């Protein structure tokens, strides 16, 4: 049975940027097929991704965050922990869990940088949608061949 719903998790830090990933995702996958979940920050995404994937409702789960050096934790440490957790969530649940988490080396809260990353997140959202559709089709083919 093919599932046609998708879960999309968004971290609320830098929401004006992160929300653009959902916009890009919904350019390829109808908004009516996407359930959206907000979390405080990137660290909260893997647990929710795992829980959503385990429900069996979703063909894929996408998780978006913008992890910048905020002085509390090194942003590369946070990003690595998040990506590892998302990968583990997918492997543990047998549902594709896709990361739209970006960790720029340089980000300043200027109009110029914000515009650049907003546009980049739209494209990353499209890429996640393409990946979700492609992996679903490939896995469907594997099931049909078995």
N, C-alpha and C. Protein backbone atom coordinates (compact mmCIF):
# COMPACT_ATOMS: atom_id res chain seq x y z
N UNK A 1 0.84 -1.19 0.00
CA UNK A 1 0.00 0.00 0.00
C UNK A 1 0.88 1.25 0.00
N UNK A 2 0.66 2.13 -0.92
CA UNK A 2 1.45 3.34 -1.04
C UNK A 2 0.87 4.43 -0.14
N UNK A 3 1.73 5.01 0.67
CA UNK A 3 1.32 6.13 1.52
C UNK A 3 1.56 7.41 0.73
N UNK A 4 0.61 8.32 0.79
CA UNK A 4 0.76 9.57 0.04
C UNK A 4 0.79 10.80 0.94
N UNK A 5 1.07 10.60 2.22
CA UNK A 5 1.20 11.73 3.11
C UNK A 5 2.66 11.89 3.48
N UNK A 6 3.03 13.12 3.76
CA UNK A 6 4.40 13.44 4.12
C UNK A 6 4.37 14.30 5.37
N UNK A 7 5.35 14.11 6.22
CA UNK A 7 5.50 14.95 7.41
C UNK A 7 6.64 15.93 7.16
N UNK A 8 6.47 17.16 7.59
CA UNK A 8 7.50 18.18 7.44
C UNK A 8 7.68 18.87 8.79
N UNK A 9 8.89 18.72 9.35
CA UNK A 9 9.21 19.31 10.65
C UNK A 9 10.03 20.57 10.42
N UNK A 10 9.67 21.65 11.12
CA UNK A 10 10.39 22.92 10.99
C UNK A 10 10.88 23.38 12.35
N UNK A 11 12.16 23.67 12.45
CA UNK A 11 12.69 24.29 13.66
C UNK A 11 12.33 25.77 13.65
N UNK A 12 11.95 26.30 14.80
CA UNK A 12 11.49 27.69 14.87
C UNK A 12 12.59 28.74 14.92
N UNK A 13 13.83 28.35 15.19
CA UNK A 13 14.92 29.33 15.14
C UNK A 13 15.07 29.77 13.69
N UNK A 14 15.10 31.05 13.46
CA UNK A 14 15.20 31.62 12.12
C UNK A 14 14.04 31.15 11.23
N UNK A 15 12.85 31.18 11.79
CA UNK A 15 11.66 30.68 11.08
C UNK A 15 11.45 31.37 9.73
N UNK A 16 11.78 32.64 9.64
CA UNK A 16 11.57 33.36 8.37
C UNK A 16 12.41 32.75 7.25
N UNK A 17 13.49 32.09 7.60
CA UNK A 17 14.34 31.41 6.62
C UNK A 17 13.89 29.96 6.46
N UNK A 18 13.74 29.26 7.57
CA UNK A 18 13.40 27.83 7.55
C UNK A 18 12.06 27.57 6.87
N UNK A 19 11.08 28.44 7.07
CA UNK A 19 9.76 28.27 6.46
C UNK A 19 9.83 28.20 4.94
N UNK A 20 10.87 28.75 4.37
CA UNK A 20 11.01 28.72 2.90
C UNK A 20 11.24 27.31 2.39
N UNK A 21 11.81 26.44 3.20
CA UNK A 21 12.01 25.04 2.80
C UNK A 21 10.65 24.37 2.59
N UNK A 22 9.70 24.65 3.47
CA UNK A 22 8.36 24.10 3.31
C UNK A 22 7.72 24.63 2.03
N UNK A 23 7.91 25.90 1.74
CA UNK A 23 7.37 26.47 0.50
C UNK A 23 7.92 25.72 -0.72
N UNK A 24 9.23 25.48 -0.73
CA UNK A 24 9.82 24.74 -1.85
C UNK A 24 9.32 23.31 -1.91
N UNK A 25 9.19 22.66 -0.76
CA UNK A 25 8.70 21.28 -0.69
C UNK A 25 7.30 21.18 -1.29
N UNK A 26 6.45 22.16 -0.96
CA UNK A 26 5.06 22.14 -1.42
C UNK A 26 4.91 22.59 -2.87
N UNK A 27 5.98 23.02 -3.51
CA UNK A 27 5.92 23.27 -4.94
C UNK A 27 5.84 21.95 -5.71
N UNK A 28 6.34 20.86 -5.14
CA UNK A 28 6.35 19.56 -5.81
C UNK A 28 5.39 18.56 -5.19
N UNK A 29 5.13 18.69 -3.92
CA UNK A 29 4.19 17.81 -3.22
C UNK A 29 3.06 18.69 -2.72
N UNK A 30 1.83 18.37 -3.11
CA UNK A 30 0.70 19.24 -2.74
C UNK A 30 0.62 19.45 -1.22
N UNK A 31 0.36 20.68 -0.86
CA UNK A 31 0.24 21.06 0.55
C UNK A 31 -0.79 20.19 1.28
N UNK A 32 -1.82 19.75 0.56
CA UNK A 32 -2.87 18.92 1.16
C UNK A 32 -2.35 17.54 1.57
N UNK A 33 -1.16 17.15 1.10
CA UNK A 33 -0.56 15.86 1.45
C UNK A 33 0.55 16.00 2.49
N UNK A 34 0.73 17.21 3.02
CA UNK A 34 1.83 17.48 3.94
C UNK A 34 1.29 17.90 5.30
N UNK A 35 1.70 17.17 6.34
CA UNK A 35 1.40 17.56 7.72
C UNK A 35 2.63 18.28 8.27
N UNK A 36 2.43 19.46 8.82
CA UNK A 36 3.53 20.31 9.27
C UNK A 36 3.60 20.31 10.79
N UNK A 37 4.81 20.18 11.30
CA UNK A 37 5.06 20.15 12.74
C UNK A 37 6.17 21.13 13.07
N UNK A 38 5.94 21.99 14.05
CA UNK A 38 6.95 22.94 14.49
C UNK A 38 7.61 22.43 15.76
N UNK A 39 8.91 22.64 15.85
CA UNK A 39 9.67 22.31 17.05
C UNK A 39 10.50 23.54 17.42
N UNK A 40 10.91 23.65 18.69
CA UNK A 40 11.67 24.83 19.11
C UNK A 40 12.98 25.02 18.33
N UNK A 41 13.74 23.95 18.20
CA UNK A 41 15.04 24.06 17.53
C UNK A 41 15.43 22.76 16.87
N UNK A 42 16.62 22.73 16.31
CA UNK A 42 17.09 21.57 15.56
C UNK A 42 17.21 20.32 16.41
N UNK A 43 17.64 20.46 17.67
CA UNK A 43 17.83 19.29 18.53
C UNK A 43 16.55 18.48 18.72
N UNK A 44 15.41 19.12 18.62
CA UNK A 44 14.14 18.43 18.85
C UNK A 44 13.65 17.66 17.62
N UNK A 45 14.27 17.86 16.48
CA UNK A 45 13.78 17.24 15.25
C UNK A 45 13.93 15.72 15.20
N UNK A 46 15.08 15.13 15.57
CA UNK A 46 15.22 13.67 15.40
C UNK A 46 14.19 12.85 16.17
N UNK A 47 13.91 13.21 17.40
CA UNK A 47 12.95 12.45 18.19
C UNK A 47 11.57 12.51 17.56
N UNK A 48 11.13 13.70 17.17
CA UNK A 48 9.81 13.83 16.54
C UNK A 48 9.80 13.12 15.19
N UNK A 49 10.89 13.21 14.43
CA UNK A 49 10.97 12.51 13.14
C UNK A 49 10.78 11.01 13.33
N UNK A 50 11.45 10.47 14.33
CA UNK A 50 11.32 9.04 14.62
C UNK A 50 9.88 8.70 14.99
N UNK A 51 9.30 9.50 15.87
CA UNK A 51 7.93 9.23 16.32
C UNK A 51 6.93 9.32 15.16
N UNK A 52 7.08 10.32 14.31
CA UNK A 52 6.19 10.46 13.16
C UNK A 52 6.37 9.31 12.18
N UNK A 53 7.61 8.94 11.91
CA UNK A 53 7.88 7.84 10.98
C UNK A 53 7.28 6.54 11.50
N UNK A 54 7.37 6.31 12.78
CA UNK A 54 6.86 5.06 13.36
C UNK A 54 5.33 4.95 13.31
N UNK A 55 4.63 6.05 13.08
CA UNK A 55 3.17 5.97 13.01
C UNK A 55 2.71 5.18 11.79
N UNK A 56 3.54 5.08 10.77
CA UNK A 56 3.15 4.39 9.55
C UNK A 56 2.29 5.23 8.62
N UNK A 57 2.05 6.49 8.97
CA UNK A 57 1.20 7.37 8.16
C UNK A 57 1.93 8.02 6.99
N UNK A 58 3.26 8.08 7.06
CA UNK A 58 4.00 8.93 6.14
C UNK A 58 4.92 8.14 5.20
N UNK A 59 4.93 8.57 3.96
CA UNK A 59 5.86 8.01 2.97
C UNK A 59 7.27 8.48 3.26
N UNK A 60 7.40 9.68 3.82
CA UNK A 60 8.70 10.23 4.19
C UNK A 60 8.48 11.36 5.19
N UNK A 61 9.55 11.65 5.92
CA UNK A 61 9.55 12.75 6.88
C UNK A 61 10.71 13.66 6.50
N UNK A 62 10.44 14.94 6.35
CA UNK A 62 11.50 15.93 6.07
C UNK A 62 11.64 16.82 7.30
N UNK A 63 12.88 17.21 7.60
CA UNK A 63 13.13 18.05 8.77
C UNK A 63 14.04 19.20 8.37
N UNK A 64 13.61 20.42 8.67
CA UNK A 64 14.34 21.61 8.24
C UNK A 64 14.77 22.46 9.43
N UNK A 65 16.03 22.88 9.37
CA UNK A 65 16.57 23.77 10.41
C UNK A 65 17.71 24.59 9.82
N UNK A 66 17.95 25.73 10.43
CA UNK A 66 19.05 26.60 10.05
C UNK A 66 19.91 26.74 11.31
N UNK A 67 21.02 26.04 11.32
CA UNK A 67 21.87 25.96 12.51
C UNK A 67 23.06 26.91 12.32
N UNK A 68 23.07 27.96 13.10
CA UNK A 68 24.15 28.95 13.00
C UNK A 68 24.90 29.02 14.32
N UNK A 69 26.08 29.55 14.28
CA UNK A 69 26.90 29.68 15.47
C UNK A 69 26.29 30.75 16.37
N UNK A 70 25.65 30.29 17.45
CA UNK A 70 24.98 31.23 18.34
C UNK A 70 25.73 31.45 19.64
N UNK A 71 26.88 30.83 19.78
CA UNK A 71 27.69 31.06 20.96
C UNK A 71 27.43 30.10 22.11
N UNK A 72 26.31 29.40 22.11
CA UNK A 72 26.02 28.46 23.19
C UNK A 72 26.71 27.13 22.91
N UNK A 73 26.39 26.56 21.78
CA UNK A 73 27.05 25.34 21.31
C UNK A 73 27.72 25.68 20.00
N UNK A 74 28.77 24.97 19.69
CA UNK A 74 29.35 25.14 18.36
C UNK A 74 28.34 24.61 17.35
N UNK A 75 28.06 25.38 16.32
CA UNK A 75 27.02 25.00 15.37
C UNK A 75 27.34 23.70 14.65
N UNK A 76 28.61 23.38 14.44
CA UNK A 76 28.95 22.13 13.76
C UNK A 76 28.63 20.93 14.66
N UNK A 77 28.78 21.09 15.96
CA UNK A 77 28.42 20.04 16.91
C UNK A 77 26.91 19.78 16.86
N UNK A 78 26.13 20.84 16.88
CA UNK A 78 24.68 20.71 16.83
C UNK A 78 24.26 20.06 15.52
N UNK A 79 24.79 20.55 14.41
CA UNK A 79 24.41 20.03 13.10
C UNK A 79 24.73 18.54 12.99
N UNK A 80 25.90 18.14 13.45
CA UNK A 80 26.28 16.72 13.37
C UNK A 80 25.35 15.85 14.21
N UNK A 81 25.03 16.31 15.41
CA UNK A 81 24.12 15.55 16.27
C UNK A 81 22.74 15.42 15.62
N UNK A 82 22.26 16.48 15.01
CA UNK A 82 20.94 16.47 14.38
C UNK A 82 20.93 15.54 13.18
N UNK A 83 21.90 15.65 12.30
CA UNK A 83 21.94 14.80 11.11
C UNK A 83 22.09 13.33 11.51
N UNK A 84 22.94 13.04 12.48
CA UNK A 84 23.07 11.66 12.97
C UNK A 84 21.73 11.15 13.51
N UNK A 85 21.05 12.00 14.28
CA UNK A 85 19.75 11.60 14.84
C UNK A 85 18.70 11.38 13.77
N UNK A 86 18.67 12.22 12.75
CA UNK A 86 17.70 12.05 11.67
C UNK A 86 17.98 10.76 10.90
N UNK A 87 19.26 10.49 10.64
CA UNK A 87 19.61 9.25 9.94
C UNK A 87 19.19 8.04 10.76
N UNK A 88 19.44 8.08 12.04
CA UNK A 88 19.07 6.97 12.92
C UNK A 88 17.54 6.82 12.96
N UNK A 89 16.82 7.92 12.97
CA UNK A 89 15.35 7.86 12.96
C UNK A 89 14.84 7.13 11.72
N UNK A 90 15.43 7.43 10.58
CA UNK A 90 15.03 6.75 9.36
C UNK A 90 15.38 5.28 9.37
N UNK A 91 16.57 4.96 9.82
CA UNK A 91 17.00 3.56 9.86
C UNK A 91 16.17 2.77 10.86
N UNK A 92 15.87 3.35 12.01
CA UNK A 92 15.11 2.65 13.05
C UNK A 92 13.64 2.46 12.67
N UNK A 93 13.10 3.37 11.86
CA UNK A 93 11.67 3.31 11.54
C UNK A 93 11.39 2.72 10.16
N UNK A 94 12.41 2.56 9.34
CA UNK A 94 12.26 2.06 7.96
C UNK A 94 11.44 3.02 7.09
N UNK A 95 11.47 4.29 7.44
CA UNK A 95 10.81 5.34 6.66
C UNK A 95 11.87 6.38 6.33
N UNK A 96 11.93 6.85 5.09
CA UNK A 96 12.92 7.87 4.75
C UNK A 96 12.75 9.13 5.60
N UNK A 97 13.83 9.57 6.22
CA UNK A 97 13.86 10.81 6.97
C UNK A 97 14.90 11.70 6.30
N UNK A 98 14.46 12.81 5.78
CA UNK A 98 15.30 13.69 4.96
C UNK A 98 15.68 14.95 5.72
N UNK A 99 16.92 15.35 5.57
CA UNK A 99 17.40 16.54 6.25
C UNK A 99 17.47 17.73 5.30
N UNK A 100 16.86 18.82 5.73
CA UNK A 100 16.97 20.10 5.05
C UNK A 100 17.60 21.05 6.07
N UNK A 101 18.65 20.57 6.69
CA UNK A 101 19.31 21.33 7.75
C UNK A 101 20.61 21.91 7.21
N UNK A 102 20.71 23.21 7.25
CA UNK A 102 21.89 23.89 6.74
C UNK A 102 22.67 24.52 7.88
N UNK A 103 23.99 24.47 7.73
CA UNK A 103 24.90 25.01 8.74
C UNK A 103 25.95 25.87 8.04
N UNK A 104 25.63 27.12 7.78
CA UNK A 104 26.61 27.96 7.08
C UNK A 104 27.80 28.31 7.98
N UNK A 105 28.95 28.42 7.36
CA UNK A 105 30.14 28.85 8.11
C UNK A 105 30.04 30.33 8.47
N UNK A 106 29.39 31.09 7.62
CA UNK A 106 29.26 32.52 7.84
C UNK A 106 27.80 32.92 7.68
N UNK A 107 27.21 33.46 8.72
CA UNK A 107 25.87 34.03 8.61
C UNK A 107 25.79 35.24 9.52
N UNK A 108 25.36 36.32 8.93
CA UNK A 108 25.11 37.55 9.68
C UNK A 108 23.66 37.93 9.42
N UNK A 109 22.98 38.37 10.46
CA UNK A 109 21.57 38.72 10.31
C UNK A 109 21.43 40.06 9.60
N UNK A 110 21.81 40.04 8.34
CA UNK A 110 21.64 41.20 7.49
C UNK A 110 20.60 40.87 6.43
N UNK A 111 20.05 41.90 5.83
CA UNK A 111 19.06 41.70 4.77
C UNK A 111 19.64 40.86 3.64
N UNK A 112 20.89 41.12 3.29
CA UNK A 112 21.55 40.40 2.19
C UNK A 112 21.69 38.91 2.51
N UNK A 113 22.25 38.56 3.66
CA UNK A 113 22.42 37.15 4.01
C UNK A 113 21.08 36.45 4.17
N UNK A 114 20.12 37.12 4.78
CA UNK A 114 18.81 36.52 4.96
C UNK A 114 18.17 36.21 3.61
N UNK A 115 18.26 37.11 2.65
CA UNK A 115 17.70 36.88 1.31
C UNK A 115 18.37 35.69 0.63
N UNK A 116 19.69 35.60 0.75
CA UNK A 116 20.43 34.49 0.14
C UNK A 116 19.95 33.16 0.71
N UNK A 117 19.86 33.07 2.04
CA UNK A 117 19.49 31.81 2.66
C UNK A 117 18.01 31.48 2.49
N UNK A 118 17.14 32.48 2.40
CA UNK A 118 15.73 32.21 2.10
C UNK A 118 15.61 31.52 0.74
N UNK A 119 16.29 32.05 -0.25
CA UNK A 119 16.25 31.46 -1.60
C UNK A 119 16.86 30.06 -1.59
N UNK A 120 17.93 29.90 -0.84
CA UNK A 120 18.58 28.59 -0.77
C UNK A 120 17.66 27.56 -0.11
N UNK A 121 16.92 27.97 0.90
CA UNK A 121 16.02 27.03 1.57
C UNK A 121 14.86 26.63 0.66
N UNK A 122 14.38 27.52 -0.19
CA UNK A 122 13.34 27.14 -1.15
C UNK A 122 13.86 26.00 -2.02
N UNK A 123 15.08 26.15 -2.54
CA UNK A 123 15.66 25.10 -3.39
C UNK A 123 15.89 23.83 -2.60
N UNK A 124 16.35 23.93 -1.37
CA UNK A 124 16.56 22.74 -0.55
C UNK A 124 15.23 22.02 -0.26
N UNK A 125 14.17 22.77 -0.10
CA UNK A 125 12.85 22.17 0.07
C UNK A 125 12.43 21.40 -1.17
N UNK A 126 12.68 21.97 -2.34
CA UNK A 126 12.39 21.27 -3.60
C UNK A 126 13.20 19.97 -3.68
N UNK A 127 14.48 20.07 -3.32
CA UNK A 127 15.35 18.89 -3.36
C UNK A 127 14.84 17.80 -2.43
N UNK A 128 14.37 18.17 -1.25
CA UNK A 128 13.83 17.18 -0.31
C UNK A 128 12.57 16.53 -0.89
N UNK A 129 11.72 17.32 -1.53
CA UNK A 129 10.51 16.76 -2.15
C UNK A 129 10.88 15.78 -3.26
N UNK A 130 11.84 16.17 -4.10
CA UNK A 130 12.29 15.26 -5.17
C UNK A 130 12.83 13.96 -4.57
N UNK A 131 13.61 14.08 -3.51
CA UNK A 131 14.17 12.89 -2.85
C UNK A 131 13.06 12.02 -2.28
N UNK A 132 12.08 12.63 -1.63
CA UNK A 132 10.97 11.86 -1.05
C UNK A 132 10.21 11.10 -2.14
N UNK A 133 9.94 11.77 -3.23
CA UNK A 133 9.21 11.13 -4.32
C UNK A 133 10.05 10.02 -4.97
N UNK A 134 11.33 10.28 -5.17
CA UNK A 134 12.19 9.31 -5.82
C UNK A 134 12.39 8.06 -4.96
N UNK A 135 12.68 8.25 -3.69
CA UNK A 135 12.91 7.10 -2.82
C UNK A 135 11.62 6.29 -2.67
N UNK A 136 10.49 6.97 -2.63
CA UNK A 136 9.21 6.26 -2.57
C UNK A 136 8.98 5.41 -3.80
N UNK A 137 9.25 5.97 -4.95
CA UNK A 137 9.07 5.24 -6.21
C UNK A 137 10.04 4.05 -6.28
N UNK A 138 11.28 4.27 -5.87
CA UNK A 138 12.27 3.19 -5.90
C UNK A 138 11.88 2.07 -4.96
N UNK A 139 11.46 2.42 -3.76
CA UNK A 139 11.08 1.40 -2.78
C UNK A 139 9.82 0.66 -3.23
N UNK A 140 8.91 1.37 -3.89
CA UNK A 140 7.71 0.74 -4.42
C UNK A 140 8.09 -0.31 -5.46
N UNK A 141 9.06 0.03 -6.31
CA UNK A 141 9.55 -0.90 -7.32
C UNK A 141 10.18 -2.13 -6.70
N UNK A 142 10.91 -1.93 -5.61
CA UNK A 142 11.52 -3.06 -4.92
C UNK A 142 10.46 -4.00 -4.34
N UNK A 143 9.40 -3.41 -3.80
CA UNK A 143 8.33 -4.22 -3.23
C UNK A 143 7.59 -5.01 -4.31
N UNK A 144 7.40 -4.37 -5.46
CA UNK A 144 6.70 -5.03 -6.57
C UNK A 144 7.54 -6.18 -7.13
N UNK A 145 8.84 -6.03 -7.10
CA UNK A 145 9.73 -7.05 -7.65
C UNK A 145 9.89 -8.24 -6.71
N UNK A 146 9.58 -8.05 -5.43
CA UNK A 146 9.78 -9.13 -4.44
C UNK A 146 8.72 -10.18 -4.49
